[in-house]
N, C-alpha and C. Protein backbone atom coordinates (compact mmCIF):
# COMPACT_ATOMS: atom_id res chain seq x y z
N MET A 1 60.87 -11.63 -0.38
CA MET A 1 60.89 -12.81 -1.21
C MET A 1 60.03 -12.58 -2.44
N LYS A 2 60.55 -12.93 -3.58
CA LYS A 2 59.85 -12.69 -4.83
C LYS A 2 58.88 -13.84 -5.14
N ARG A 3 57.70 -13.48 -5.51
CA ARG A 3 56.69 -14.48 -5.83
C ARG A 3 56.80 -14.86 -7.31
N GLN A 4 56.79 -16.15 -7.57
CA GLN A 4 56.89 -16.59 -8.95
C GLN A 4 55.54 -16.50 -9.63
N LYS A 5 55.55 -16.05 -10.86
CA LYS A 5 54.31 -15.99 -11.64
C LYS A 5 54.06 -17.35 -12.26
N ARG A 6 52.81 -17.67 -12.40
CA ARG A 6 52.43 -18.94 -13.02
C ARG A 6 52.32 -18.72 -14.52
N ASP A 7 52.80 -19.65 -15.28
CA ASP A 7 52.74 -19.49 -16.72
C ASP A 7 51.34 -19.81 -17.25
N ARG A 8 51.11 -19.46 -18.49
CA ARG A 8 49.76 -19.59 -19.07
C ARG A 8 49.31 -21.04 -19.18
N HIS A 9 50.26 -21.97 -19.34
CA HIS A 9 49.89 -23.38 -19.46
C HIS A 9 49.37 -23.92 -18.12
N THR A 10 50.00 -23.50 -17.04
CA THR A 10 49.55 -23.92 -15.72
C THR A 10 48.18 -23.34 -15.42
N LEU A 11 47.98 -22.08 -15.75
CA LEU A 11 46.69 -21.44 -15.53
C LEU A 11 45.59 -22.13 -16.32
N LYS A 12 45.88 -22.45 -17.57
CA LYS A 12 44.89 -23.13 -18.41
C LYS A 12 44.53 -24.50 -17.84
N SER A 13 45.55 -25.23 -17.39
CA SER A 13 45.32 -26.54 -16.80
C SER A 13 44.47 -26.44 -15.53
N ASP A 14 44.77 -25.46 -14.69
CA ASP A 14 43.99 -25.26 -13.46
C ASP A 14 42.54 -24.92 -13.77
N ARG A 15 42.33 -24.04 -14.76
CA ARG A 15 40.97 -23.68 -15.15
C ARG A 15 40.21 -24.91 -15.64
N LYS A 16 40.87 -25.70 -16.47
CA LYS A 16 40.23 -26.91 -17.03
C LYS A 16 39.85 -27.86 -15.91
N ASN A 17 40.76 -28.07 -14.96
CA ASN A 17 40.47 -28.96 -13.82
C ASN A 17 39.32 -28.42 -12.98
N ASN A 18 39.27 -27.11 -12.80
CA ASN A 18 38.20 -26.50 -12.01
C ASN A 18 36.85 -26.70 -12.69
N PHE A 19 36.80 -26.49 -14.00
CA PHE A 19 35.54 -26.68 -14.72
C PHE A 19 35.10 -28.13 -14.72
N GLU A 20 36.07 -29.06 -14.81
CA GLU A 20 35.73 -30.48 -14.74
C GLU A 20 35.14 -30.83 -13.38
N GLU A 21 35.73 -30.26 -12.34
CA GLU A 21 35.22 -30.51 -11.00
C GLU A 21 33.81 -29.94 -10.83
N LEU A 22 33.58 -28.73 -11.35
CA LEU A 22 32.26 -28.12 -11.24
C LEU A 22 31.21 -28.90 -12.02
N SER A 23 31.58 -29.42 -13.18
CA SER A 23 30.61 -30.14 -14.00
C SER A 23 30.28 -31.50 -13.42
N SER A 24 31.18 -32.06 -12.61
CA SER A 24 30.92 -33.38 -12.03
C SER A 24 30.01 -33.31 -10.80
N ARG A 25 29.91 -32.14 -10.19
CA ARG A 25 29.08 -32.00 -8.99
C ARG A 25 27.65 -31.63 -9.34
N ASP A 26 26.73 -32.03 -8.48
CA ASP A 26 25.32 -31.67 -8.62
C ASP A 26 25.14 -30.23 -8.16
N PRO A 27 24.51 -29.35 -8.97
CA PRO A 27 24.42 -27.94 -8.59
C PRO A 27 23.53 -27.66 -7.39
N GLY A 28 22.58 -28.51 -7.11
CA GLY A 28 21.71 -28.25 -5.96
C GLY A 28 20.40 -27.61 -6.41
N GLU A 29 19.40 -27.75 -5.57
CA GLU A 29 18.05 -27.27 -5.91
C GLU A 29 17.98 -25.75 -6.01
N LYS A 30 18.63 -25.04 -5.10
CA LYS A 30 18.57 -23.57 -5.14
C LYS A 30 19.20 -23.03 -6.42
N ALA A 31 20.31 -23.61 -6.83
CA ALA A 31 20.97 -23.16 -8.06
C ALA A 31 20.09 -23.44 -9.27
N ARG A 32 19.46 -24.59 -9.31
CA ARG A 32 18.55 -24.90 -10.43
C ARG A 32 17.38 -23.93 -10.48
N GLU A 33 16.83 -23.62 -9.32
CA GLU A 33 15.71 -22.68 -9.25
C GLU A 33 16.15 -21.30 -9.73
N TRP A 34 17.33 -20.88 -9.34
CA TRP A 34 17.85 -19.57 -9.74
C TRP A 34 18.05 -19.52 -11.24
N MET A 35 18.50 -20.59 -11.86
CA MET A 35 18.74 -20.61 -13.30
C MET A 35 17.44 -20.66 -14.10
N ARG A 36 16.37 -21.12 -13.50
CA ARG A 36 15.08 -21.21 -14.21
C ARG A 36 14.34 -19.88 -14.26
N ARG A 37 14.72 -18.94 -13.44
CA ARG A 37 13.99 -17.67 -13.41
C ARG A 37 14.24 -16.88 -14.68
N PRO A 38 13.30 -16.01 -15.08
CA PRO A 38 13.50 -15.20 -16.29
C PRO A 38 14.61 -14.16 -16.07
N ALA A 39 15.22 -13.76 -17.16
CA ALA A 39 16.34 -12.82 -17.06
C ALA A 39 15.88 -11.48 -16.48
N TYR A 40 14.78 -10.97 -16.99
CA TYR A 40 14.24 -9.71 -16.49
C TYR A 40 12.86 -9.98 -15.95
N ALA A 41 12.81 -10.24 -14.67
CA ALA A 41 11.54 -10.58 -14.05
C ALA A 41 10.62 -9.37 -14.05
N PRO A 42 9.37 -9.56 -14.46
CA PRO A 42 8.43 -8.43 -14.43
C PRO A 42 8.13 -8.05 -12.99
N GLY A 43 7.87 -6.80 -12.79
CA GLY A 43 7.54 -6.33 -11.45
C GLY A 43 8.03 -4.93 -11.24
N GLU A 44 7.95 -4.49 -10.03
CA GLU A 44 8.35 -3.13 -9.71
C GLU A 44 9.87 -3.00 -9.73
N LEU A 45 10.32 -1.80 -10.07
CA LEU A 45 11.75 -1.51 -10.02
C LEU A 45 12.17 -1.27 -8.58
N SER A 46 13.41 -1.49 -8.29
CA SER A 46 13.92 -1.24 -6.94
C SER A 46 13.97 0.27 -6.69
N PHE A 47 14.13 0.62 -5.45
CA PHE A 47 14.21 2.04 -5.07
C PHE A 47 15.37 2.71 -5.79
N GLN A 48 16.53 2.03 -5.84
CA GLN A 48 17.71 2.62 -6.47
C GLN A 48 17.49 2.83 -7.96
N ALA A 49 16.83 1.87 -8.63
CA ALA A 49 16.59 2.01 -10.07
C ALA A 49 15.65 3.18 -10.33
N ARG A 50 14.58 3.30 -9.54
CA ARG A 50 13.65 4.42 -9.71
C ARG A 50 14.36 5.75 -9.48
N ARG A 51 15.22 5.81 -8.45
CA ARG A 51 15.94 7.03 -8.13
C ARG A 51 16.90 7.41 -9.26
N LEU A 52 17.59 6.42 -9.83
CA LEU A 52 18.52 6.68 -10.92
C LEU A 52 17.79 7.21 -12.14
N ILE A 53 16.67 6.61 -12.51
CA ILE A 53 15.89 7.05 -13.66
C ILE A 53 15.38 8.47 -13.45
N ARG A 54 14.91 8.75 -12.24
CA ARG A 54 14.42 10.09 -11.93
C ARG A 54 15.54 11.13 -12.05
N HIS A 55 16.71 10.78 -11.53
CA HIS A 55 17.86 11.68 -11.57
C HIS A 55 18.31 11.93 -13.01
N GLN A 56 18.35 10.88 -13.83
CA GLN A 56 18.75 11.03 -15.23
C GLN A 56 17.73 11.84 -16.00
N GLY A 57 16.48 11.68 -15.66
CA GLY A 57 15.43 12.46 -16.31
C GLY A 57 15.58 13.94 -16.05
N ARG A 58 16.00 14.29 -14.82
CA ARG A 58 16.22 15.70 -14.50
C ARG A 58 17.41 16.26 -15.26
N GLN A 59 18.40 15.42 -15.55
CA GLN A 59 19.59 15.88 -16.26
C GLN A 59 19.31 16.15 -17.73
N MET A 60 18.36 15.43 -18.28
CA MET A 60 18.07 15.59 -19.71
C MET A 60 17.34 16.90 -19.96
N GLU A 61 17.70 17.56 -21.01
CA GLU A 61 17.05 18.81 -21.35
C GLU A 61 16.08 18.53 -22.50
N HIS A 62 14.84 18.85 -22.31
CA HIS A 62 13.83 18.61 -23.35
C HIS A 62 13.59 19.92 -24.10
N GLU A 63 13.78 19.89 -25.40
CA GLU A 63 13.51 21.07 -26.22
C GLU A 63 13.06 20.61 -27.60
N SER A 64 12.45 21.54 -28.34
CA SER A 64 11.95 21.20 -29.67
C SER A 64 13.13 21.03 -30.64
N VAL A 65 12.86 20.37 -31.74
CA VAL A 65 13.88 20.12 -32.75
C VAL A 65 14.37 21.44 -33.34
N ASP A 66 13.45 22.36 -33.62
CA ASP A 66 13.83 23.65 -34.20
C ASP A 66 14.79 24.40 -33.27
N ARG A 67 14.45 24.41 -32.00
CA ARG A 67 15.29 25.12 -31.03
C ARG A 67 16.67 24.47 -30.94
N TYR A 68 16.72 23.14 -30.97
CA TYR A 68 17.99 22.42 -30.91
C TYR A 68 18.86 22.76 -32.12
N VAL A 69 18.26 22.75 -33.33
CA VAL A 69 19.01 23.04 -34.55
C VAL A 69 19.54 24.47 -34.52
N ARG A 70 18.69 25.43 -34.08
CA ARG A 70 19.13 26.82 -33.98
C ARG A 70 20.31 26.95 -33.03
N ARG A 71 20.24 26.26 -31.90
CA ARG A 71 21.31 26.34 -30.91
C ARG A 71 22.61 25.74 -31.48
N GLN A 72 22.49 24.67 -32.25
CA GLN A 72 23.66 24.05 -32.85
C GLN A 72 24.29 24.96 -33.90
N GLU A 73 23.44 25.62 -34.69
CA GLU A 73 23.94 26.51 -35.72
C GLU A 73 24.64 27.72 -35.12
N LEU A 74 24.12 28.23 -34.03
CA LEU A 74 24.75 29.37 -33.36
C LEU A 74 26.11 28.99 -32.79
N GLY A 75 26.26 27.77 -32.37
CA GLY A 75 27.53 27.31 -31.80
C GLY A 75 28.61 27.14 -32.84
N ARG A 76 28.25 26.94 -34.09
CA ARG A 76 29.24 26.73 -35.16
C ARG A 76 29.86 28.03 -35.63
N ARG A 77 29.19 29.13 -35.42
CA ARG A 77 29.69 30.41 -35.94
C ARG A 77 30.85 30.94 -35.15
């Protein structure tokens, strides 16, 4: 059986109704508390973030500007 696709007007109407319903309800204390928190809370990084930074640091090659320019010039020849 073939499923009918909904047209853009129906989708827009459904979205509008959903947003109206959400705006009419009280968000609750937990949601308000969550929205009041700062975007980037100060504190320690998570284990995964520290691991990612450490891994990316190992991937980066540190060299002087002169050495980098020489290497680039040799590659052009």
